[in-house]
PDB file of N, CA and C in Angstrom:
ATOM      1  N   MET A   1       0.757  -1.181   0.120  1.00  0.00           N
ATOM      2  CA  MET A   1       0.102   0.058  -0.016  1.00  0.00           C
ATOM      3  C   MET A   1       0.948   1.084  -0.031  1.00  0.00           C
ATOM      4  N   THR A   2       0.588   2.122  -0.887  1.00  0.00           N
ATOM      5  CA  THR A   2       1.448   3.452  -0.996  1.00  0.00           C
ATOM      6  C   THR A   2       0.682   4.392   0.029  1.00  0.00           C
ATOM      7  N   ASP A   3       1.583   5.207   0.205  1.00  0.00           N
ATOM      8  CA  ASP A   3       1.532   6.575   1.237  1.00  0.00           C
ATOM      9  C   ASP A   3       0.095   6.999   1.065  1.00  0.00           C
ATOM     10  N   LEU A   4      -0.145   7.335  -0.198  1.00  0.00           N
ATOM     11  CA  LEU A   4      -1.439   7.960  -0.699  1.00  0.00           C
ATOM     12  C   LEU A   4      -2.483   6.804  -0.652  1.00  0.00           C
ATOM     13  N   ASP A   5      -2.501   5.583  -0.662  1.00  0.00           N
ATOM     14  CA  ASP A   5      -3.565   4.834  -0.432  1.00  0.00           C
ATOM     15  C   ASP A   5      -3.830   4.655   1.315  1.00  0.00           C
ATOM     16  N   GLU A   6      -2.756   4.842   2.063  1.00  0.00           N
ATOM     17  CA  GLU A   6      -2.967   4.765   3.426  1.00  0.00           C
ATOM     18  C   GLU A   6      -3.599   5.825   3.771  1.00  0.00           C
ATOM     19  N   HIS A   7      -3.396   7.252   3.028  1.00  0.00           N
ATOM     20  CA  HIS A   7      -4.116   8.376   3.694  1.00  0.00           C
ATOM     21  C   HIS A   7      -5.505   8.341   3.232  1.00  0.00           C
ATOM     22  N   ILE A   8      -5.957   7.825   2.031  1.00  0.00           N
ATOM     23  CA  ILE A   8      -7.199   7.508   1.466  1.00  0.00           C
ATOM     24  C   ILE A   8      -7.972   6.773   2.429  1.00  0.00           C
ATOM     25  N   GLU A   9      -7.137   5.524   2.836  1.00  0.00           N
ATOM     26  CA  GLU A   9      -7.942   4.538   3.783  1.00  0.00           C
ATOM     27  C   GLU A   9      -8.029   5.153   5.038  1.00  0.00           C
ATOM     28  N   GLU A  10      -7.477   5.992   5.540  1.00  0.00           N
ATOM     29  CA  GLU A  10      -7.680   6.806   7.149  1.00  0.00           C
ATOM     30  C   GLU A  10      -8.505   8.058   6.730  1.00  0.00           C
ATOM     31  N   ASN A  11      -9.014   8.330   5.315  1.00  0.00           N
ATOM     32  CA  ASN A  11      -9.736   9.706   4.898  1.00  0.00           C
ATOM     33  C   ASN A  11      -8.936  10.655   5.576  1.00  0.00           C
ATOM     34  N   ASN A  12      -7.612  10.757   5.299  1.00  0.00           N
ATOM     35  CA  ASN A  12      -6.987  12.096   5.665  1.00  0.00           C
ATOM     36  C   ASN A  12      -6.256  12.568   4.334  1.00  0.00           C
ATOM     37  N   ILE A  13      -7.327  13.090   3.507  1.00  0.00           N
ATOM     38  CA  ILE A  13      -6.996  13.831   2.180  1.00  0.00           C
ATOM     39  C   ILE A  13      -7.917  15.149   1.989  1.00  0.00           C
ATOM     40  N   ILE A  14      -7.328  15.962   1.106  1.00  0.00           N
ATOM     41  CA  ILE A  14      -8.247  16.634   0.661  1.00  0.00           C
ATOM     42  C   ILE A  14      -8.265  16.717  -1.001  1.00  0.00           C
ATOM     43  N   LEU A  15      -9.537  16.931  -0.941  1.00  0.00           N
ATOM     44  CA  LEU A  15      -9.673  16.809  -2.771  1.00  0.00           C
ATOM     45  C   LEU A  15     -10.018  18.126  -3.438  1.00  0.00           C
ATOM     46  N   GLY A  16      -9.489  18.022  -4.379  1.00  0.00           N
ATOM     47  CA  GLY A  16      -9.969  19.265  -5.323  1.00  0.00           C
ATOM     48  C   GLY A  16      -8.954  20.581  -5.336  1.00  0.00           C
ATOM     49  N   GLU A  17      -8.917  21.430  -6.671  1.00  0.00           N
ATOM     50  CA  GLU A  17      -8.010  22.266  -6.814  1.00  0.00           C
ATOM     51  C   GLU A  17      -8.005  23.509  -5.735  1.00  0.00           C
ATOM     52  N   ASN A  18      -9.264  23.931  -5.531  1.00  0.00           N
ATOM     53  CA  ASN A  18      -9.296  25.265  -4.631  1.00  0.00           C
ATOM     54  C   ASN A  18      -9.098  24.748  -3.391  1.00  0.00           C
ATOM     55  N   GLU A  19      -9.634  23.532  -2.848  1.00  0.00           N
ATOM     56  CA  GLU A  19      -9.259  23.305  -1.522  1.00  0.00           C
ATOM     57  C   GLU A  19      -7.701  23.094  -1.277  1.00  0.00           C
ATOM     58  N   THR A  20      -6.948  22.645  -2.092  1.00  0.00           N
ATOM     59  CA  THR A  20      -5.785  22.490  -2.130  1.00  0.00           C
ATOM     60  C   THR A  20      -4.837  23.651  -2.246  1.00  0.00           C
ATOM     61  N   ILE A  21      -5.419  24.640  -3.073  1.00  0.00           N
ATOM     62  CA  ILE A  21      -4.694  25.888  -3.139  1.00  0.00           C
ATOM     63  C   ILE A  21      -4.662  26.531  -1.653  1.00  0.00           C
ATOM     64  N   ARG A  22      -5.987  26.459  -1.291  1.00  0.00           N
ATOM     65  CA  ARG A  22      -6.166  27.333  -0.083  1.00  0.00           C
ATOM     66  C   ARG A  22      -5.367  26.779   0.959  1.00  0.00           C
ATOM     67  N   ALA A  23      -5.259  25.452   1.085  1.00  0.00           N
ATOM     68  CA  ALA A  23      -4.455  24.986   2.024  1.00  0.00           C
ATOM     69  C   ALA A  23      -2.793  25.056   1.883  1.00  0.00           C
ATOM     70  N   LEU A  24      -2.465  25.322   0.448  1.00  0.00           N
ATOM     71  CA  LEU A  24      -1.109  25.580   0.378  1.00  0.00           C
ATOM     72  C   LEU A  24      -0.703  26.851   1.085  1.00  0.00           C
ATOM     73  N   LYS A  25      -1.521  27.836   0.505  1.00  0.00           N
ATOM     74  CA  LYS A  25      -1.630  29.590   1.069  1.00  0.00           C
ATOM     75  C   LYS A  25      -1.406  29.239   2.541  1.00  0.00           C
ATOM     76  N   ASP A  26      -1.937  28.307   3.235  1.00  0.00           N
ATOM     77  CA  ASP A  26      -2.020  28.491   4.739  1.00  0.00           C
ATOM     78  C   ASP A  26      -1.082  27.396   5.272  1.00  0.00           C
ATOM     79  N   GLY A  27      -0.227  27.081   4.417  1.00  0.00           N
ATOM     80  CA  GLY A  27       0.890  25.975   4.941  1.00  0.00           C
ATOM     81  C   GLY A  27       0.304  24.872   5.694  1.00  0.00           C
ATOM     82  N   GLU A  28      -0.574  24.275   5.108  1.00  0.00           N
ATOM     83  CA  GLU A  28      -1.294  23.007   6.192  1.00  0.00           C
ATOM     84  C   GLU A  28      -1.000  21.736   5.140  1.00  0.00           C
ATOM     85  N   LEU A  29      -0.165  21.671   4.193  1.00  0.00           N
ATOM     86  CA  LEU A  29      -0.038  20.319   3.327  1.00  0.00           C
ATOM     87  C   LEU A  29       1.467  19.611   3.402  1.00  0.00           C
ATOM     88  N   ASN A  30       1.614  18.705   3.552  1.00  0.00           N
ATOM     89  CA  ASN A  30       2.877  17.686   3.074  1.00  0.00           C
ATOM     90  C   ASN A  30       3.065  17.343   1.709  1.00  0.00           C
ATOM     91  N   HIS A  31       2.007  17.242   1.157  1.00  0.00           N
ATOM     92  CA  HIS A  31       2.092  16.539  -0.234  1.00  0.00           C
ATOM     93  C   HIS A  31       1.217  16.728  -1.170  1.00  0.00           C
ATOM     94  N   VAL A  32       1.294  16.961  -2.371  1.00  0.00           N
ATOM     95  CA  VAL A  32       0.176  17.383  -3.223  1.00  0.00           C
ATOM     96  C   VAL A  32       0.439  16.156  -4.478  1.00  0.00           C
ATOM     97  N   TYR A  33      -0.701  15.724  -5.006  1.00  0.00           N
ATOM     98  CA  TYR A  33      -0.796  14.570  -5.902  1.00  0.00           C
ATOM     99  C   TYR A  33      -1.717  14.897  -7.296  1.00  0.00           C
ATOM    100  N   LEU A  34      -1.072  14.900  -8.212  1.00  0.00           N
ATOM    101  CA  LEU A  34      -1.735  15.529  -9.507  1.00  0.00           C
ATOM    102  C   LEU A  34      -2.192  14.401 -10.501  1.00  0.00           C
ATOM    103  N   ALA A  35      -3.367  14.334 -11.035  1.00  0.00           N
ATOM    104  CA  ALA A  35      -3.582  13.424 -12.184  1.00  0.00           C
ATOM    105  C   ALA A  35      -2.809  13.779 -13.253  1.00  0.00           C
ATOM    106  N   SER A  36      -2.393  12.705 -13.914  1.00  0.00           N
ATOM    107  CA  SER A  36      -1.896  12.867 -15.514  1.00  0.00           C
ATOM    108  C   SER A  36      -2.350  13.980 -16.394  1.00  0.00           C
ATOM    109  N   ASN A  37      -3.717  14.036 -16.153  1.00  0.00           N
ATOM    110  CA  ASN A  37      -4.185  14.847 -17.149  1.00  0.00           C
ATOM    111  C   ASN A  37      -4.721  16.231 -16.479  1.00  0.00           C
ATOM    112  N   ALA A  38      -4.149  16.536 -15.320  1.00  0.00           N
ATOM    113  CA  ALA A  38      -4.761  17.648 -14.779  1.00  0.00           C
ATOM    114  C   ALA A  38      -4.663  18.983 -15.526  1.00  0.00           C
ATOM    115  N   LYS A  39      -5.646  19.630 -15.369  1.00  0.00           N
ATOM    116  CA  LYS A  39      -5.427  21.010 -16.341  1.00  0.00           C
ATOM    117  C   LYS A  39      -3.999  22.055 -16.055  1.00  0.00           C
ATOM    118  N   GLU A  40      -3.364  22.519 -17.082  1.00  0.00           N
ATOM    119  CA  GLU A  40      -2.058  23.056 -17.195  1.00  0.00           C
ATOM    120  C   GLU A  40      -2.264  23.994 -16.036  1.00  0.00           C
ATOM    121  N   SER A  41      -3.338  24.862 -16.173  1.00  0.00           N
ATOM    122  CA  SER A  41      -3.559  25.947 -15.103  1.00  0.00           C
ATOM    123  C   SER A  41      -3.605  25.426 -13.739  1.00  0.00           C
ATOM    124  N   THR A  42      -4.004  24.360 -13.347  1.00  0.00           N
ATOM    125  CA  THR A  42      -3.996  23.731 -12.185  1.00  0.00           C
ATOM    126  C   THR A  42      -2.660  23.535 -11.530  1.00  0.00           C
ATOM    127  N   VAL A  43      -1.957  22.606 -12.635  1.00  0.00           N
ATOM    128  CA  VAL A  43      -0.447  22.311 -12.503  1.00  0.00           C
ATOM    129  C   VAL A  43       0.295  23.600 -12.089  1.00  0.00           C
ATOM    130  N   GLU A  44       0.240  24.461 -12.879  1.00  0.00           N
ATOM    131  CA  GLU A  44       1.184  25.712 -12.649  1.00  0.00           C
ATOM    132  C   GLU A  44       0.928  26.138 -11.420  1.00  0.00           C
ATOM    133  N   ASP A  45      -0.717  26.629 -10.997  1.00  0.00           N
ATOM    134  CA  ASP A  45      -0.769  27.094  -9.443  1.00  0.00           C
ATOM    135  C   ASP A  45      -0.273  26.087  -8.541  1.00  0.00           C
ATOM    136  N   VAL A  46      -0.588  24.919  -8.551  1.00  0.00           N
ATOM    137  CA  VAL A  46      -0.476  24.228  -7.578  1.00  0.00           C
ATOM    138  C   VAL A  46       1.465  24.091  -7.234  1.00  0.00           C
ATOM    139  N   GLU A  47       1.934  23.916  -8.465  1.00  0.00           N
ATOM    140  CA  GLU A  47       3.492  24.396  -8.270  1.00  0.00           C
ATOM    141  C   GLU A  47       4.017  25.467  -7.847  1.00  0.00           C
ATOM    142  N   TYR A  48       3.379  26.768  -8.127  1.00  0.00           N
ATOM    143  CA  TYR A  48       3.663  27.866  -7.812  1.00  0.00           C
ATOM    144  C   TYR A  48       3.529  28.054  -6.233  1.00  0.00           C
ATOM    145  N   TYR A  49       2.318  27.651  -5.692  1.00  0.00           N
ATOM    146  CA  TYR A  49       2.158  27.857  -4.247  1.00  0.00           C
ATOM    147  C   TYR A  49       2.985  26.803  -3.389  1.00  0.00           C
ATOM    148  N   ALA A  50       3.087  25.494  -4.018  1.00  0.00           N
ATOM    149  CA  ALA A  50       4.087  24.667  -3.059  1.00  0.00           C
ATOM    150  C   ALA A  50       5.624  25.203  -3.084  1.00  0.00           C
ATOM    151  N   GLY A  51       5.731  25.514  -4.208  1.00  0.00           N
ATOM    152  CA  GLY A  51       7.283  26.365  -4.268  1.00  0.00           C
ATOM    153  C   GLY A  51       7.417  27.500  -3.232  1.00  0.00           C
ATOM    154  N   LEU A  52       6.496  28.201  -2.746  1.00  0.00           N
ATOM    155  CA  LEU A  52       6.547  29.026  -1.653  1.00  0.00           C
ATOM    156  C   LEU A  52       6.907  28.418  -0.435  1.00  0.00           C
ATOM    157  N   GLN A  53       6.453  27.347  -0.054  1.00  0.00           N
ATOM    158  CA  GLN A  53       6.649  26.579   0.972  1.00  0.00           C
ATOM    159  C   GLN A  53       7.944  25.724   0.857  1.00  0.00           C
ATOM    160  N   ASP A  54       8.377  25.167   2.104  1.00  0.00           N
ATOM    161  CA  ASP A  54       9.668  24.555   2.002  1.00  0.00           C
ATOM    162  C   ASP A  54       9.902  23.290   1.914  1.00  0.00           C
ATOM    163  N   ASP A  55       8.848  22.308   2.315  1.00  0.00           N
ATOM    164  CA  ASP A  55       8.836  20.890   2.442  1.00  0.00           C
ATOM    165  C   ASP A  55       7.669  20.525   1.663  1.00  0.00           C
ATOM    166  N   ILE A  56       7.058  20.951   0.587  1.00  0.00           N
ATOM    167  CA  ILE A  56       5.943  20.337  -0.136  1.00  0.00           C
ATOM    168  C   ILE A  56       6.263  19.513  -1.337  1.00  0.00           C
ATOM    169  N   ASP A  57       5.942  18.183  -1.368  1.00  0.00           N
ATOM    170  CA  ASP A  57       6.313  17.489  -2.541  1.00  0.00           C
ATOM    171  C   ASP A  57       4.926  17.885  -3.473  1.00  0.00           C
ATOM    172  N   VAL A  58       5.338  17.703  -4.670  1.00  0.00           N
ATOM    173  CA  VAL A  58       4.269  17.720  -5.825  1.00  0.00           C
ATOM    174  C   VAL A  58       4.636  16.426  -6.691  1.00  0.00           C
ATOM    175  N   THR A  59       3.645  15.577  -6.751  1.00  0.00           N
ATOM    176  CA  THR A  59       3.812  14.360  -7.566  1.00  0.00           C
ATOM    177  C   THR A  59       2.741  14.289  -8.731  1.00  0.00           C
ATOM    178  N   ARG A  60       3.324  14.224  -9.911  1.00  0.00           N
ATOM    179  CA  ARG A  60       2.327  13.959 -11.128  1.00  0.00           C
ATOM    180  C   ARG A  60       2.124  12.326 -11.287  1.00  0.00           C
ATOM    181  N   LEU A  61       0.920  11.913 -10.760  1.00  0.00           N
ATOM    182  CA  LEU A  61       0.644  10.365 -11.252  1.00  0.00           C
ATOM    183  C   LEU A  61       0.594   9.818 -12.440  1.00  0.00           C
ATOM    184  N   ASP A  62       0.588   8.795 -12.786  1.00  0.00           N
ATOM    185  CA  ASP A  62       0.082   8.020 -14.159  1.00  0.00           C
ATOM    186  C   ASP A  62      -1.275   7.852 -14.356  1.00  0.00           C
ATOM    187  N   GLU A  63      -1.838   8.186 -13.293  1.00  0.00           N
ATOM    188  CA  GLU A  63      -3.425   7.807 -13.360  1.00  0.00           C
ATOM    189  C   GLU A  63      -3.922   9.375 -13.856  1.00  0.00           C
ATOM    190  N   HIS A  64      -4.967   9.084 -14.732  1.00  0.00           N
ATOM    191  CA  HIS A  64      -6.111  10.088 -15.358  1.00  0.00           C
ATOM    192  C   HIS A  64      -6.957  10.340 -14.050  1.00  0.00           C
ATOM    193  N   ASN A  65      -7.648  11.654 -14.245  1.00  0.00           N
ATOM    194  CA  ASN A  65      -8.727  12.009 -13.161  1.00  0.00           C
ATOM    195  C   ASN A  65      -9.825  11.084 -12.754  1.00  0.00           C
ATOM    196  N   GLU A  66     -10.267  10.388 -13.839  1.00  0.00           N
ATOM    197  CA  GLU A  66     -11.129   9.462 -13.762  1.00  0.00           C
ATOM    198  C   GLU A  66     -10.529   8.371 -12.664  1.00  0.00           C
ATOM    199  N   GLU A  67      -9.556   7.681 -13.019  1.00  0.00           N
ATOM    200  CA  GLU A  67      -8.955   6.821 -12.327  1.00  0.00           C
ATOM    201  C   GLU A  67      -8.619   7.002 -10.635  1.00  0.00           C
ATOM    202  N   LEU A  68      -8.137   8.569 -10.572  1.00  0.00           N
ATOM    203  CA  LEU A  68      -7.654   8.780  -9.566  1.00  0.00           C
ATOM    204  C   LEU A  68      -9.011   9.014  -8.595  1.00  0.00           C
ATOM    205  N   GLY A  69     -10.198   9.484  -9.236  1.00  0.00           N
ATOM    206  CA  GLY A  69     -11.383   9.548  -8.353  1.00  0.00           C
ATOM    207  C   GLY A  69     -11.932   8.253  -8.148  1.00  0.00           C
ATOM    208  N   ASP A  70     -11.574   7.161  -8.531  1.00  0.00           N
ATOM    209  CA  ASP A  70     -11.960   5.748  -8.385  1.00  0.00           C
ATOM    210  C   ASP A  70     -11.111   5.249  -7.057  1.00  0.00           C
ATOM    211  N   ARG A  71      -9.926   5.516  -7.353  1.00  0.00           N
ATOM    212  CA  ARG A  71      -8.693   5.339  -6.194  1.00  0.00           C
ATOM    213  C   ARG A  71      -9.107   6.027  -4.816  1.00  0.00           C
ATOM    214  N   CYS A  72      -9.919   7.130  -5.094  1.00  0.00           N
ATOM    215  CA  CYS A  72     -10.194   7.954  -3.937  1.00  0.00           C
ATOM    216  C   CYS A  72     -11.738   7.434  -3.314  1.00  0.00           C
ATOM    217  N   ARG A  73     -12.248   6.588  -4.240  1.00  0.00           N
ATOM    218  CA  ARG A  73     -13.545   6.102  -3.961  1.00  0.00           C
ATOM    219  C   ARG A  73     -14.707   7.415  -3.843  1.00  0.00           C
ATOM    220  N   LYS A  74     -14.326   7.788  -4.852  1.00  0.00           N
ATOM    221  CA  LYS A  74     -15.464   9.030  -5.122  1.00  0.00           C
ATOM    222  C   LYS A  74     -15.962   8.708  -6.549  1.00  0.00           C
ATOM    223  N   PRO A  75     -17.341   9.166  -6.660  1.00  0.00           N
ATOM    224  CA  PRO A  75     -18.192   8.781  -8.109  1.00  0.00           C
ATOM    225  C   PRO A  75     -17.845  10.207  -8.940  1.00  0.00           C
ATOM    226  N   PHE A  76     -16.891  10.897  -8.690  1.00  0.00           N
ATOM    227  CA  PHE A  76     -16.607  11.880  -9.797  1.00  0.00           C
ATOM    228  C   PHE A  76     -14.932  11.944  -9.926  1.00  0.00           C
ATOM    229  N   ASN A  77     -14.700  12.606 -11.070  1.00  0.00           N
ATOM    230  CA  ASN A  77     -13.133  12.753 -11.288  1.00  0.00           C
ATOM    231  C   ASN A  77     -12.416  13.580 -10.244  1.00  0.00           C
ATOM    232  N   VAL A  78     -11.188  13.320  -9.983  1.00  0.00           N
ATOM    233  CA  VAL A  78     -10.436  14.051  -8.942  1.00  0.00           C
ATOM    234  C   VAL A  78      -9.033  14.234  -9.728  1.00  0.00           C
ATOM    235  N   GLN A  79      -8.769  15.676 -10.008  1.00  0.00           N
ATOM    236  CA  GLN A  79      -7.399  15.906 -10.501  1.00  0.00           C
ATOM    237  C   GLN A  79      -6.304  16.475  -9.502  1.00  0.00           C
ATOM    238  N   VAL A  80      -6.789  16.772  -8.011  1.00  0.00           N
ATOM    239  CA  VAL A  80      -5.795  17.042  -7.340  1.00  0.00           C
ATOM    240  C   VAL A  80      -6.224  16.288  -6.106  1.00  0.00           C
ATOM    241  N   VAL A  81      -5.023  15.688  -5.276  1.00  0.00           N
ATOM    242  CA  VAL A  81      -5.389  15.109  -4.093  1.00  0.00           C
ATOM    243  C   VAL A  81      -4.051  15.604  -3.075  1.00  0.00           C
ATOM    244  N   SER A  82      -4.523  16.091  -1.733  1.00  0.00           N
ATOM    245  CA  SER A  82      -3.312  16.522  -0.983  1.00  0.00           C
ATOM    246  C   SER A  82      -3.396  15.931   0.233  1.00  0.00           C
ATOM    247  N   ILE A  83      -2.446  15.710   0.820  1.00  0.00           N
ATOM    248  CA  ILE A  83      -2.209  15.267   2.075  1.00  0.00           C
ATOM    249  C   ILE A  83      -1.958  16.369   3.420  1.00  0.00           C
ATOM    250  N   PRO A  84      -2.742  16.818   4.224  1.00  0.00           N
ATOM    251  CA  PRO A  84      -2.524  17.724   5.292  1.00  0.00           C
ATOM    252  C   PRO A  84      -1.601  17.361   6.278  1.00  0.00           C
ATOM    253  N   GLU A  85      -0.956  18.143   6.860  1.00  0.00           N
ATOM    254  CA  GLU A  85       0.323  17.828   8.033  1.00  0.00           C
ATOM    255  C   GLU A  85      -0.327  17.245   8.924  1.00  0.00           C
TER     256      GLU A  85
END
């Protein structure tokens, strides 16, 4: 089981671009995962705000947003998943 899967299992994740960027601005995240087909503007925003913090990793997954939504057990597409501190 990967780190992301463990956090999903514990329901210790934040879903969505807006919620993730808000948490990035507040310095509340450890890691951000992006679907392989995340919008370029989303990728740029997440990477920008993550770059303003010291220890936030951003990972591009091989999964599309539909697959990521399924992995998170959601009935909708997910392009951004983040892990709070």
